[in-house]
Amino acid sequence: GKVLNGLTPENIRVYASEIERRHPRHGTDRLLGADGQQVHRTDKP
């Protein structure tokens, strides 16, 4: 909520899409954010 200036579906969609755009997978499925968030990623069929 602090990172996104509010938990809204629009904010969450933009945030998740931006993570996908900025961090293409290179053999890892975990990202550690500077603000304290941890993100585990996978591609689901």
PDB file of all heavy atoms in Angstrom:
ATOM      1  N   GLY A   1       0.816  -1.213   0.000  1.00  0.00           N
ATOM      2  CA  GLY A   1       0.000   0.000   0.000  1.00  0.00           C
ATOM      3  C   GLY A   1       0.844   1.255   0.000  1.00  0.00           C
ATOM      4  O   GLY A   1       0.524   2.248  -0.658  1.00  0.00           O
ATOM      5  N   LYS A   2       1.986   1.196   0.705  1.00  0.00           N
ATOM      6  CA  LYS A   2       2.901   2.341   0.732  1.00  0.00           C
ATOM      7  C   LYS A   2       3.647   2.470  -0.581  1.00  0.00           C
ATOM      8  O   LYS A   2       3.786   3.568  -1.139  1.00  0.00           O
ATOM      9  CB  LYS A   2       3.880   2.184   1.892  1.00  0.00           C
ATOM     10  CG  LYS A   2       4.860   3.337   2.039  1.00  0.00           C
ATOM     11  CD  LYS A   2       5.786   3.123   3.237  1.00  0.00           C
ATOM     12  CE  LYS A   2       6.771   4.273   3.370  1.00  0.00           C
ATOM     13  NZ  LYS A   2       7.684   4.064   4.540  1.00  0.00           N
ATOM     14  N   VAL A   3       4.131   1.334  -1.100  1.00  0.00           N
ATOM     15  CA  VAL A   3       4.877   1.351  -2.367  1.00  0.00           C
ATOM     16  C   VAL A   3       4.008   1.847  -3.513  1.00  0.00           C
ATOM     17  O   VAL A   3       4.459   2.614  -4.380  1.00  0.00           O
ATOM     18  CB  VAL A   3       5.426  -0.055  -2.680  1.00  0.00           C
ATOM     19  CG1 VAL A   3       6.019  -0.108  -4.084  1.00  0.00           C
ATOM     20  CG2 VAL A   3       6.470  -0.468  -1.650  1.00  0.00           C
ATOM     21  N   LEU A   4       2.735   1.440  -3.520  1.00  0.00           N
ATOM     22  CA  LEU A   4       1.845   1.745  -4.645  1.00  0.00           C
ATOM     23  C   LEU A   4       0.969   2.967  -4.415  1.00  0.00           C
ATOM     24  O   LEU A   4       0.135   3.291  -5.265  1.00  0.00           O
ATOM     25  CB  LEU A   4       0.935   0.532  -4.920  1.00  0.00           C
ATOM     26  CG  LEU A   4       1.630  -0.803  -5.193  1.00  0.00           C
ATOM     27  CD1 LEU A   4       0.597  -1.883  -5.442  1.00  0.00           C
ATOM     28  CD2 LEU A   4       2.563  -0.680  -6.377  1.00  0.00           C
ATOM     29  N   ASN A   5       1.135   3.624  -3.264  1.00  0.00           N
ATOM     30  CA  ASN A   5       0.255   4.746  -2.917  1.00  0.00           C
ATOM     31  C   ASN A   5      -1.209   4.308  -2.924  1.00  0.00           C
ATOM     32  O   ASN A   5      -2.093   4.996  -3.442  1.00  0.00           O
ATOM     33  CB  ASN A   5       0.452   5.921  -3.886  1.00  0.00           C
ATOM     34  CG  ASN A   5       1.820   6.542  -3.777  1.00  0.00           C
ATOM     35  OD1 ASN A   5       2.329   6.741  -2.668  1.00  0.00           O
ATOM     36  ND2 ASN A   5       2.443   6.832  -4.907  1.00  0.00           N
ATOM     37  N   GLY A   6      -1.448   3.135  -2.331  1.00  0.00           N
ATOM     38  CA  GLY A   6      -2.810   2.624  -2.232  1.00  0.00           C
ATOM     39  C   GLY A   6      -2.971   1.307  -2.969  1.00  0.00           C
ATOM     40  O   GLY A   6      -2.446   1.151  -4.076  1.00  0.00           O
ATOM     41  N   LEU A   7      -3.662   0.351  -2.340  1.00  0.00           N
ATOM     42  CA  LEU A   7      -3.901  -0.953  -2.964  1.00  0.00           C
ATOM     43  C   LEU A   7      -5.170  -0.895  -3.802  1.00  0.00           C
ATOM     44  O   LEU A   7      -6.275  -0.997  -3.285  1.00  0.00           O
ATOM     45  CB  LEU A   7      -4.031  -2.040  -1.885  1.00  0.00           C
ATOM     46  CG  LEU A   7      -2.748  -2.646  -1.333  1.00  0.00           C
ATOM     47  CD1 LEU A   7      -3.067  -3.657  -0.246  1.00  0.00           C
ATOM     48  CD2 LEU A   7      -1.935  -3.298  -2.427  1.00  0.00           C
ATOM     49  N   THR A   8      -4.993  -0.696  -5.083  1.00  0.00           N
ATOM     50  CA  THR A   8      -6.113  -0.730  -6.016  1.00  0.00           C
ATOM     51  C   THR A   8      -5.774  -1.722  -7.118  1.00  0.00           C
ATOM     52  O   THR A   8      -4.597  -1.973  -7.391  1.00  0.00           O
ATOM     53  CB  THR A   8      -6.377   0.647  -6.643  1.00  0.00           C
ATOM     54  OG1 THR A   8      -5.282   0.980  -7.522  1.00  0.00           O
ATOM     55  CG2 THR A   8      -6.526   1.727  -5.582  1.00  0.00           C
ATOM     56  N   PRO A   9      -6.778  -2.301  -7.781  1.00  0.00           N
ATOM     57  CA  PRO A   9      -6.468  -3.246  -8.867  1.00  0.00           C
ATOM     58  C   PRO A   9      -5.662  -2.590  -9.979  1.00  0.00           C
ATOM     59  O   PRO A   9      -4.795  -3.227 -10.580  1.00  0.00           O
ATOM     60  CB  PRO A   9      -7.846  -3.715  -9.338  1.00  0.00           C
ATOM     61  CG  PRO A   9      -8.823  -2.747  -8.782  1.00  0.00           C
ATOM     62  CD  PRO A   9      -8.221  -2.215  -7.524  1.00  0.00           C
ATOM     63  N   GLU A  10      -5.926  -1.311 -10.252  1.00  0.00           N
ATOM     64  CA  GLU A  10      -5.175  -0.615 -11.297  1.00  0.00           C
ATOM     65  C   GLU A  10      -3.698  -0.504 -10.916  1.00  0.00           C
ATOM     66  O   GLU A  10      -2.805  -0.781 -11.728  1.00  0.00           O
ATOM     67  CB  GLU A  10      -5.758   0.783 -11.528  1.00  0.00           C
ATOM     68  CG  GLU A  10      -7.185   0.807 -12.038  1.00  0.00           C
ATOM     69  CD  GLU A  10      -8.222   0.756 -10.928  1.00  0.00           C
ATOM     70  OE1 GLU A  10      -7.826   0.625  -9.736  1.00  0.00           O
ATOM     71  OE2 GLU A  10      -9.421   0.834 -11.231  1.00  0.00           O
ATOM     72  N   ASN A  11      -3.434  -0.107  -9.662  1.00  0.00           N
ATOM     73  CA  ASN A  11      -2.051   0.028  -9.203  1.00  0.00           C
ATOM     74  C   ASN A  11      -1.322  -1.311  -9.196  1.00  0.00           C
ATOM     75  O   ASN A  11      -0.151  -1.400  -9.587  1.00  0.00           O
ATOM     76  CB  ASN A  11      -2.022   0.633  -7.796  1.00  0.00           C
ATOM     77  CG  ASN A  11      -2.406   2.103  -7.788  1.00  0.00           C
ATOM     78  OD1 ASN A  11      -2.549   2.714  -8.835  1.00  0.00           O
ATOM     79  ND2 ASN A  11      -2.591   2.657  -6.601  1.00  0.00           N
ATOM     80  N   ILE A  12      -2.023  -2.356  -8.745  1.00  0.00           N
ATOM     81  CA  ILE A  12      -1.402  -3.675  -8.682  1.00  0.00           C
ATOM     82  C   ILE A  12      -1.083  -4.187 -10.077  1.00  0.00           C
ATOM     83  O   ILE A  12      -0.016  -4.755 -10.324  1.00  0.00           O
ATOM     84  CB  ILE A  12      -2.316  -4.655  -7.924  1.00  0.00           C
ATOM     85  CG1 ILE A  12      -2.445  -4.229  -6.462  1.00  0.00           C
ATOM     86  CG2 ILE A  12      -1.772  -6.083  -8.009  1.00  0.00           C
ATOM     87  CD1 ILE A  12      -3.466  -5.024  -5.674  1.00  0.00           C
ATOM     88  N   ARG A  13      -2.009  -3.972 -11.027  1.00  0.00           N
ATOM     89  CA  ARG A  13      -1.778  -4.414 -12.405  1.00  0.00           C
ATOM     90  C   ARG A  13      -0.564  -3.710 -13.006  1.00  0.00           C
ATOM     91  O   ARG A  13       0.307  -4.348 -13.612  1.00  0.00           O
ATOM     92  CB  ARG A  13      -3.025  -4.123 -13.242  1.00  0.00           C
ATOM     93  CG  ARG A  13      -2.834  -4.226 -14.754  1.00  0.00           C
ATOM     94  CD  ARG A  13      -2.853  -5.654 -15.234  1.00  0.00           C
ATOM     95  NE  ARG A  13      -2.314  -5.782 -16.582  1.00  0.00           N
ATOM     96  CZ  ARG A  13      -2.542  -6.809 -17.385  1.00  0.00           C
ATOM     97  NH1 ARG A  13      -3.304  -7.805 -16.986  1.00  0.00           N
ATOM     98  NH2 ARG A  13      -2.001  -6.871 -18.565  1.00  0.00           N
ATOM     99  N   VAL A  14      -0.477  -2.412 -12.843  1.00  0.00           N
ATOM    100  CA  VAL A  14       0.642  -1.646 -13.392  1.00  0.00           C
ATOM    101  C   VAL A  14       1.952  -2.093 -12.746  1.00  0.00           C
ATOM    102  O   VAL A  14       2.968  -2.279 -13.429  1.00  0.00           O
ATOM    103  CB  VAL A  14       0.417  -0.133 -13.181  1.00  0.00           C
ATOM    104  CG1 VAL A  14       1.686   0.648 -13.507  1.00  0.00           C
ATOM    105  CG2 VAL A  14      -0.739   0.353 -14.044  1.00  0.00           C
ATOM    106  N   TYR A  15       1.932  -2.295 -11.436  1.00  0.00           N
ATOM    107  CA  TYR A  15       3.141  -2.691 -10.704  1.00  0.00           C
ATOM    108  C   TYR A  15       3.636  -4.060 -11.164  1.00  0.00           C
ATOM    109  O   TYR A  15       4.827  -4.249 -11.459  1.00  0.00           O
ATOM    110  CB  TYR A  15       2.819  -2.704  -9.211  1.00  0.00           C
ATOM    111  CG  TYR A  15       3.996  -2.952  -8.303  1.00  0.00           C
ATOM    112  CD1 TYR A  15       5.182  -2.233  -8.441  1.00  0.00           C
ATOM    113  CD2 TYR A  15       3.915  -3.884  -7.279  1.00  0.00           C
ATOM    114  CE1 TYR A  15       6.256  -2.439  -7.586  1.00  0.00           C
ATOM    115  CE2 TYR A  15       4.979  -4.097  -6.412  1.00  0.00           C
ATOM    116  CZ  TYR A  15       6.137  -3.379  -6.573  1.00  0.00           C
ATOM    117  OH  TYR A  15       7.194  -3.586  -5.723  1.00  0.00           O
ATOM    118  N   ALA A  16       2.725  -5.038 -11.254  1.00  0.00           N
ATOM    119  CA  ALA A  16       3.112  -6.383 -11.688  1.00  0.00           C
ATOM    120  C   ALA A  16       3.611  -6.371 -13.121  1.00  0.00           C
ATOM    121  O   ALA A  16       4.600  -7.038 -13.459  1.00  0.00           O
ATOM    122  CB  ALA A  16       1.928  -7.340 -11.534  1.00  0.00           C
ATOM    123  N   SER A  17       2.951  -5.624 -13.983  1.00  0.00           N
ATOM    124  CA  SER A  17       3.369  -5.544 -15.383  1.00  0.00           C
ATOM    125  C   SER A  17       4.747  -4.910 -15.510  1.00  0.00           C
ATOM    126  O   SER A  17       5.565  -5.323 -16.342  1.00  0.00           O
ATOM    127  CB  SER A  17       2.346  -4.743 -16.202  1.00  0.00           C
ATOM    128  OG  SER A  17       1.079  -5.346 -16.178  1.00  0.00           O
ATOM    129  N   GLU A  18       5.010  -3.908 -14.674  1.00  0.00           N
ATOM    130  CA  GLU A  18       6.302  -3.221 -14.723  1.00  0.00           C
ATOM    131  C   GLU A  18       7.422  -4.144 -14.246  1.00  0.00           C
ATOM    132  O   GLU A  18       8.530  -4.130 -14.789  1.00  0.00           O
ATOM    133  CB  GLU A  18       6.247  -1.955 -13.866  1.00  0.00           C
ATOM    134  CG  GLU A  18       7.467  -1.049 -13.992  1.00  0.00           C
ATOM    135  CD  GLU A  18       7.627  -0.438 -15.383  1.00  0.00           C
ATOM    136  OE1 GLU A  18       6.712  -0.568 -16.230  1.00  0.00           O
ATOM    137  OE2 GLU A  18       8.685   0.177 -15.627  1.00  0.00           O
ATOM    138  N   ILE A  19       7.149  -4.962 -13.230  1.00  0.00           N
ATOM    139  CA  ILE A  19       8.156  -5.931 -12.777  1.00  0.00           C
ATOM    140  C   ILE A  19       8.488  -6.903 -13.902  1.00  0.00           C
ATOM    141  O   ILE A  19       9.662  -7.218 -14.158  1.00  0.00           O
ATOM    142  CB  ILE A  19       7.640  -6.691 -11.538  1.00  0.00           C
ATOM    143  CG1 ILE A  19       7.613  -5.754 -10.329  1.00  0.00           C
ATOM    144  CG2 ILE A  19       8.511  -7.916 -11.241  1.00  0.00           C
ATOM    145  CD1 ILE A  19       7.024  -6.373  -9.081  1.00  0.00           C
ATOM    146  N   GLU A  20       7.454  -7.391 -14.598  1.00  0.00           N
ATOM    147  CA  GLU A  20       7.682  -8.304 -15.711  1.00  0.00           C
ATOM    148  C   GLU A  20       8.501  -7.644 -16.819  1.00  0.00           C
ATOM    149  O   GLU A  20       9.360  -8.268 -17.442  1.00  0.00           O
ATOM    150  CB  GLU A  20       6.339  -8.792 -16.262  1.00  0.00           C
ATOM    151  CG  GLU A  20       5.635  -9.794 -15.382  1.00  0.00           C
ATOM    152  CD  GLU A  20       6.421 -11.086 -15.276  1.00  0.00           C
ATOM    153  OE1 GLU A  20       6.586 -11.782 -16.300  1.00  0.00           O
ATOM    154  OE2 GLU A  20       6.907 -11.390 -14.175  1.00  0.00           O
ATOM    155  N   ARG A  21       8.240  -6.377 -17.069  1.00  0.00           N
ATOM    156  CA  ARG A  21       8.939  -5.664 -18.151  1.00  0.00           C
ATOM    157  C   ARG A  21      10.389  -5.395 -17.777  1.00  0.00           C
ATOM    158  O   ARG A  21      11.302  -5.571 -18.601  1.00  0.00           O
ATOM    159  CB  ARG A  21       8.223  -4.346 -18.458  1.00  0.00           C
ATOM    160  CG  ARG A  21       8.784  -3.608 -19.679  1.00  0.00           C
ATOM    161  CD  ARG A  21       8.146  -2.249 -19.843  1.00  0.00           C
ATOM    162  NE  ARG A  21       8.571  -1.317 -18.819  1.00  0.00           N
ATOM    163  CZ  ARG A  21       9.703  -0.626 -18.842  1.00  0.00           C
ATOM    164  NH1 ARG A  21      10.563  -0.791 -19.839  1.00  0.00           N
ATOM    165  NH2 ARG A  21      10.003   0.214 -17.875  1.00  0.00           N
ATOM    166  N   ARG A  22      10.626  -4.965 -16.541  1.00  0.00           N
ATOM    167  CA  ARG A  22      11.963  -4.557 -16.134  1.00  0.00           C
ATOM    168  C   ARG A  22      12.886  -5.728 -15.787  1.00  0.00           C
ATOM    169  O   ARG A  22      14.103  -5.604 -15.847  1.00  0.00           O
ATOM    170  CB  ARG A  22      11.876  -3.634 -14.908  1.00  0.00           C
ATOM    171  CG  ARG A  22      11.311  -2.263 -15.207  1.00  0.00           C
ATOM    172  CD  ARG A  22      11.492  -1.360 -14.007  1.00  0.00           C
ATOM    173  NE  ARG A  22      11.011  -0.016 -14.256  1.00  0.00           N
ATOM    174  CZ  ARG A  22      11.193   1.008 -13.426  1.00  0.00           C
ATOM    175  NH1 ARG A  22      11.858   0.820 -12.291  1.00  0.00           N
ATOM    176  NH2 ARG A  22      10.722   2.199 -13.717  1.00  0.00           N
ATOM    177  N   HIS A  23      12.303  -6.844 -15.398  1.00  0.00           N
ATOM    178  CA  HIS A  23      13.125  -7.952 -14.917  1.00  0.00           C
ATOM    179  C   HIS A  23      12.768  -9.241 -15.655  1.00  0.00           C
ATOM    180  O   HIS A  23      12.157 -10.140 -15.079  1.00  0.00           O
ATOM    181  CB  HIS A  23      12.920  -8.146 -13.405  1.00  0.00           C
ATOM    182  CG  HIS A  23      13.216  -6.928 -12.598  1.00  0.00           C
ATOM    183  ND1 HIS A  23      14.498  -6.551 -12.283  1.00  0.00           N
ATOM    184  CD2 HIS A  23      12.399  -5.992 -12.058  1.00  0.00           C
ATOM    185  CE1 HIS A  23      14.461  -5.438 -11.566  1.00  0.00           C
ATOM    186  NE2 HIS A  23      13.198  -5.074 -11.419  1.00  0.00           N
ATOM    187  N   PRO A  24      13.159  -9.342 -16.908  1.00  0.00           N
ATOM    188  CA  PRO A  24      12.933 -10.603 -17.620  1.00  0.00           C
ATOM    189  C   PRO A  24      13.685 -11.730 -16.921  1.00  0.00           C
ATOM    190  O   PRO A  24      14.758 -11.521 -16.349  1.00  0.00           O
ATOM    191  CB  PRO A  24      13.494 -10.326 -19.016  1.00  0.00           C
ATOM    192  CG  PRO A  24      14.442  -9.191 -18.837  1.00  0.00           C
ATOM    193  CD  PRO A  24      13.872  -8.352 -17.735  1.00  0.00           C
ATOM    194  N   ARG A  25      13.120 -12.913 -16.975  1.00  0.00           N
ATOM    195  CA  ARG A  25      13.697 -14.027 -16.223  1.00  0.00           C
ATOM    196  C   ARG A  25      15.063 -14.446 -16.783  1.00  0.00           C
ATOM    197  O   ARG A  25      15.228 -14.569 -17.984  1.00  0.00           O
ATOM    198  CB  ARG A  25      12.737 -15.214 -16.240  1.00  0.00           C
ATOM    199  CG  ARG A  25      11.528 -14.997 -15.337  1.00  0.00           C
ATOM    200  CD  ARG A  25      10.506 -16.101 -15.539  1.00  0.00           C
ATOM    201  NE  ARG A  25       9.358 -15.903 -14.668  1.00  0.00           N
ATOM    202  CZ  ARG A  25       8.435 -14.982 -14.850  1.00  0.00           C
ATOM    203  NH1 ARG A  25       8.516 -14.161 -15.876  1.00  0.00           N
ATOM    204  NH2 ARG A  25       7.419 -14.863 -14.020  1.00  0.00           N
ATOM    205  N   HIS A  26      16.003 -14.668 -15.866  1.00  0.00           N
ATOM    206  CA  HIS A  26      17.321 -15.187 -16.233  1.00  0.00           C
ATOM    207  C   HIS A  26      17.665 -16.330 -15.281  1.00  0.00           C
ATOM    208  O   HIS A  26      18.667 -16.292 -14.574  1.00  0.00           O
ATOM    209  CB  HIS A  26      18.388 -14.085 -16.169  1.00  0.00           C
ATOM    210  CG  HIS A  26      18.196 -13.002 -17.178  1.00  0.00           C
ATOM    211  ND1 HIS A  26      18.337 -13.217 -18.534  1.00  0.00           N
ATOM    212  CD2 HIS A  26      17.849 -11.695 -17.039  1.00  0.00           C
ATOM    213  CE1 HIS A  26      18.102 -12.086 -19.187  1.00  0.00           C
ATOM    214  NE2 HIS A  26      17.804 -11.152 -18.308  1.00  0.00           N
ATOM    215  N   GLY A  27      16.794 -17.331 -15.233  1.00  0.00           N
ATOM    216  CA  GLY A  27      17.051 -18.490 -14.393  1.00  0.00           C
ATOM    217  C   GLY A  27      16.713 -18.305 -12.933  1.00  0.00           C
ATOM    218  O   GLY A  27      17.069 -19.130 -12.099  1.00  0.00           O
ATOM    219  N   THR A  28      16.041 -17.229 -12.575  1.00  0.00           N
ATOM    220  CA  THR A  28      15.661 -17.015 -11.183  1.00  0.00           C
ATOM    221  C   THR A  28      14.184 -16.688 -11.112  1.00  0.00           C
ATOM    222  O   THR A  28      13.607 -16.152 -12.061  1.00  0.00           O
ATOM    223  CB  THR A  28      16.469 -15.869 -10.552  1.00  0.00           C
ATOM    224  OG1 THR A  28      16.036 -15.690  -9.193  1.00  0.00           O
ATOM    225  CG2 THR A  28      16.250 -14.565 -11.298  1.00  0.00           C
ATOM    226  N   ASP A  29      13.574 -17.043 -10.002  1.00  0.00           N
ATOM    227  CA  ASP A  29      12.155 -16.741  -9.843  1.00  0.00           C
ATOM    228  C   ASP A  29      11.906 -15.889  -8.601  1.00  0.00           C
ATOM    229  O   ASP A  29      10.806 -15.776  -8.127  1.00  0.00           O
ATOM    230  CB  ASP A  29      11.322 -18.023  -9.770  1.00  0.00           C
ATOM    231  CG  ASP A  29      11.591 -18.834  -8.504  1.00  0.00           C
ATOM    232  OD1 ASP A  29      12.549 -18.505  -7.783  1.00  0.00           O
ATOM    233  OD2 ASP A  29      10.834 -19.778  -8.251  1.00  0.00           O
ATOM    234  N   ARG A  30      12.984 -15.281  -8.031  1.00  0.00           N
ATOM    235  CA  ARG A  30      12.814 -14.482  -6.830  1.00  0.00           C
ATOM    236  C   ARG A  30      13.488 -13.129  -6.985  1.00  0.00           C
ATOM    237  O   ARG A  30      14.621 -13.028  -7.456  1.00  0.00           O
ATOM    238  CB  ARG A  30      13.395 -15.200  -5.608  1.00  0.00           C
ATOM    239  CG  ARG A  30      13.065 -14.476  -4.305  1.00  0.00           C
ATOM    240  CD  ARG A  30      13.500 -15.289  -3.114  1.00  0.00           C
ATOM    241  NE  ARG A  30      14.953 -15.306  -2.971  1.00  0.00           N
ATOM    242  CZ  ARG A  30      15.582 -15.335  -1.794  1.00  0.00           C
ATOM    243  NH1 ARG A  30      14.887 -15.358  -0.674  1.00  0.00           N
ATOM    244  NH2 ARG A  30      16.889 -15.351  -1.740  1.00  0.00           N
ATOM    245  N   LEU A  31      12.767 -12.091  -6.596  1.00  0.00           N
ATOM    246  CA  LEU A  31      13.289 -10.727  -6.609  1.00  0.00           C
ATOM    247  C   LEU A  31      13.150 -10.143  -5.215  1.00  0.00           C
ATOM    248  O   LEU A  31      12.158 -10.379  -4.529  1.00  0.00           O
ATOM    249  CB  LEU A  31      12.508  -9.851  -7.599  1.00  0.00           C
ATOM    250  CG  LEU A  31      12.588 -10.232  -9.083  1.00  0.00           C
ATOM    251  CD1 LEU A  31      11.600  -9.380  -9.878  1.00  0.00           C
ATOM    252  CD2 LEU A  31      13.995 -10.043  -9.614  1.00  0.00           C
ATOM    253  N   LEU A  32      14.133  -9.371  -4.787  1.00  0.00           N
ATOM    254  CA  LEU A  32      14.093  -8.682  -3.505  1.00  0.00           C
ATOM    255  C   LEU A  32      14.036  -7.188  -3.763  1.00  0.00           C
ATOM    256  O   LEU A  32      14.949  -6.621  -4.358  1.00  0.00           O
ATOM    257  CB  LEU A  32      15.329  -9.027  -2.663  1.00  0.00           C
ATOM    258  CG  LEU A  32      15.553 -10.525  -2.394  1.00  0.00           C
ATOM    259  CD1 LEU A  32      16.829 -10.726  -1.581  1.00  0.00           C
ATOM    260  CD2 LEU A  32      14.354 -11.123  -1.675  1.00  0.00           C
ATOM    261  N   GLY A  33      12.947  -6.575  -3.340  1.00  0.00           N
ATOM    262  CA  GLY A  33      12.765  -5.154  -3.584  1.00  0.00           C
ATOM    263  C   GLY A  33      13.432  -4.295  -2.517  1.00  0.00           C
ATOM    264  O   GLY A  33      13.573  -4.706  -1.360  1.00  0.00           O
ATOM    265  N   ALA A  34      13.831  -3.090  -2.915  1.00  0.00           N
ATOM    266  CA  ALA A  34      14.511  -2.191  -1.981  1.00  0.00           C
ATOM    267  C   ALA A  34      13.600  -1.749  -0.841  1.00  0.00           C
ATOM    268  O   ALA A  34      14.074  -1.364   0.229  1.00  0.00           O
ATOM    269  CB  ALA A  34      15.030  -0.961  -2.741  1.00  0.00           C
ATOM    270  N   ASP A  35      12.288  -1.810  -1.054  1.00  0.00           N
ATOM    271  CA  ASP A  35      11.344  -1.368  -0.026  1.00  0.00           C
ATOM    272  C   ASP A  35      10.980  -2.485   0.946  1.00  0.00           C
ATOM    273  O   ASP A  35      10.166  -2.275   1.838  1.00  0.00           O
ATOM    274  CB  ASP A  35      10.069  -0.833  -0.682  1.00  0.00           C
ATOM    275  CG  ASP A  35      10.339   0.410  -1.519  1.00  0.00           C
ATOM    276  OD1 ASP A  35      10.835   1.389  -0.948  1.00  0.00           O
ATOM    277  OD2 ASP A  35      10.053   0.378  -2.728  1.00  0.00           O
ATOM    278  N   GLY A  36      11.556  -3.686   0.777  1.00  0.00           N
ATOM    279  CA  GLY A  36      11.286  -4.772   1.701  1.00  0.00           C
ATOM    280  C   GLY A  36      10.362  -5.842   1.164  1.00  0.00           C
ATOM    281  O   GLY A  36      10.055  -6.803   1.866  1.00  0.00           O
ATOM    282  N   GLN A  37       9.928  -5.699  -0.081  1.00  0.00           N
ATOM    283  CA  GLN A  37       9.039  -6.715  -0.644  1.00  0.00           C
ATOM    284  C   GLN A  37       9.847  -7.844  -1.290  1.00  0.00           C
ATOM    285  O   GLN A  37      10.918  -7.610  -1.848  1.00  0.00           O
ATOM    286  CB  GLN A  37       8.062  -6.108  -1.658  1.00  0.00           C
ATOM    287  CG  GLN A  37       8.671  -5.633  -2.966  1.00  0.00           C
ATOM    288  CD  GLN A  37       9.147  -4.198  -2.903  1.00  0.00           C
ATOM    289  OE1 GLN A  37       9.584  -3.743  -1.855  1.00  0.00           O
ATOM    290  NE2 GLN A  37       9.069  -3.496  -4.014  1.00  0.00           N
ATOM    291  N   GLN A  38       9.346  -9.041  -1.171  1.00  0.00           N
ATOM    292  CA  GLN A  38       9.930 -10.202  -1.831  1.00  0.00           C
ATOM    293  C   GLN A  38       8.911 -10.705  -2.854  1.00  0.00           C
ATOM    294  O   GLN A  38       7.728 -10.803  -2.560  1.00  0.00           O
ATOM    295  CB  GLN A  38      10.246 -11.290  -0.813  1.00  0.00           C
ATOM    296  CG  GLN A  38      10.852 -12.541  -1.406  1.00  0.00           C
ATOM    297  CD  GLN A  38      11.319 -13.510  -0.338  1.00  0.00           C
ATOM    298  OE1 GLN A  38      12.508 -13.641  -0.070  1.00  0.00           O
ATOM    299  NE2 GLN A  38      10.392 -14.198   0.281  1.00  0.00           N
ATOM    300  N   VAL A  39       9.400 -11.020  -4.056  1.00  0.00           N
ATOM    301  CA  VAL A  39       8.513 -11.444  -5.135  1.00  0.00           C
ATOM    302  C   VAL A  39       9.004 -12.782  -5.690  1.00  0.00           C
ATOM    303  O   VAL A  39      10.133 -12.882  -6.155  1.00  0.00           O
ATOM    304  CB  VAL A  39       8.464 -10.406  -6.281  1.00  0.00           C
ATOM    305  CG1 VAL A  39       7.402 -10.808  -7.301  1.00  0.00           C
ATOM    306  CG2 VAL A  39       8.202  -9.011  -5.752  1.00  0.00           C
ATOM    307  N   HIS A  40       8.153 -13.794  -5.600  1.00  0.00           N
ATOM    308  CA  HIS A  40       8.419 -15.071  -6.253  1.00  0.00           C
ATOM    309  C   HIS A  40       7.617 -15.100  -7.546  1.00  0.00           C
ATOM    310  O   HIS A  40       6.414 -14.817  -7.547  1.00  0.00           O
ATOM    311  CB  HIS A  40       8.019 -16.234  -5.352  1.00  0.00           C
ATOM    312  CG  HIS A  40       8.941 -16.442  -4.204  1.00  0.00           C
ATOM    313  ND1 HIS A  40      10.056 -17.238  -4.277  1.00  0.00           N
ATOM    314  CD2 HIS A  40       8.923 -15.933  -2.954  1.00  0.00           C
ATOM    315  CE1 HIS A  40      10.687 -17.233  -3.115  1.00  0.00           C
ATOM    316  NE2 HIS A  40      10.027 -16.444  -2.293  1.00  0.00           N
ATOM    317  N   ARG A  41       8.290 -15.452  -8.645  1.00  0.00           N
ATOM    318  CA  ARG A  41       7.639 -15.382  -9.957  1.00  0.00           C
ATOM    319  C   ARG A  41       7.651 -16.738 -10.648  1.00  0.00           C
ATOM    320  O   ARG A  41       8.567 -17.530 -10.484  1.00  0.00           O
ATOM    321  CB  ARG A  41       8.349 -14.362 -10.846  1.00  0.00           C
ATOM    322  CG  ARG A  41       8.442 -12.977 -10.239  1.00  0.00           C
ATOM    323  CD  ARG A  41       8.993 -11.993 -11.240  1.00  0.00           C
ATOM    324  NE  ARG A  41      10.291 -12.420 -11.749  1.00  0.00           N
ATOM    325  CZ  ARG A  41      10.852 -11.922 -12.849  1.00  0.00           C
ATOM    326  NH1 ARG A  41      10.215 -11.020 -13.567  1.00  0.00           N
ATOM    327  NH2 ARG A  41      12.041 -12.328 -13.238  1.00  0.00           N
ATOM    328  N   THR A  42       6.610 -16.951 -11.430  1.00  0.00           N
ATOM    329  CA  THR A  42       6.550 -18.141 -12.260  1.00  0.00           C
ATOM    330  C   THR A  42       5.607 -17.869 -13.429  1.00  0.00           C
ATOM    331  O   THR A  42       4.777 -16.956 -13.363  1.00  0.00           O
ATOM    332  CB  THR A  42       6.050 -19.367 -11.459  1.00  0.00           C
ATOM    333  OG1 THR A  42       6.133 -20.529 -12.282  1.00  0.00           O
ATOM    334  CG2 THR A  42       4.612 -19.186 -11.016  1.00  0.00           C
ATOM    335  N   ASP A  43       5.771 -18.624 -14.492  1.00  0.00           N
ATOM    336  CA  ASP A  43       4.831 -18.569 -15.610  1.00  0.00           C
ATOM    337  C   ASP A  43       3.898 -19.766 -15.498  1.00  0.00           C
ATOM    338  O   ASP A  43       4.344 -20.915 -15.575  1.00  0.00           O
ATOM    339  CB  ASP A  43       5.574 -18.628 -16.959  1.00  0.00           C
ATOM    340  CG  ASP A  43       6.202 -17.294 -17.321  1.00  0.00           C
ATOM    341  OD1 ASP A  43       5.699 -16.262 -16.854  1.00  0.00           O
ATOM    342  OD2 ASP A  43       7.208 -17.296 -18.063  1.00  0.00           O
ATOM    343  N   LYS A  44       2.614 -19.512 -15.300  1.00  0.00           N
ATOM    344  CA  LYS A  44       1.635 -20.587 -15.202  1.00  0.00           C
ATOM    345  C   LYS A  44       1.090 -20.906 -16.594  1.00  0.00           C
ATOM    346  O   LYS A  44       0.808 -19.984 -17.365  1.00  0.00           O
ATOM    347  CB  LYS A  44       0.480 -20.192 -14.276  1.00  0.00           C
ATOM    348  CG  LYS A  44       0.880 -20.055 -12.812  1.00  0.00           C
ATOM    349  CD  LYS A  44      -0.307 -19.691 -11.961  1.00  0.00           C
ATOM    350  CE  LYS A  44      -1.350 -20.776 -11.940  1.00  0.00           C
ATOM    351  NZ  LYS A  44      -0.892 -22.012 -11.272  1.00  0.00           N
ATOM    352  N   PRO A  45       0.932 -22.186 -16.935  1.00  0.00           N
ATOM    353  CA  PRO A  45       0.277 -22.513 -18.203  1.00  0.00           C
ATOM    354  C   PRO A  45      -1.106 -21.875 -18.249  1.00  0.00           C
ATOM    355  O   PRO A  45      -1.919 -22.068 -17.346  1.00  0.00           O
ATOM    356  CB  PRO A  45       0.197 -24.045 -18.167  1.00  0.00           C
ATOM    357  CG  PRO A  45       1.261 -24.473 -17.207  1.00  0.00           C
ATOM    358  CD  PRO A  45       1.341 -23.389 -16.182  1.00  0.00           C
TER     359      PRO A  45
END
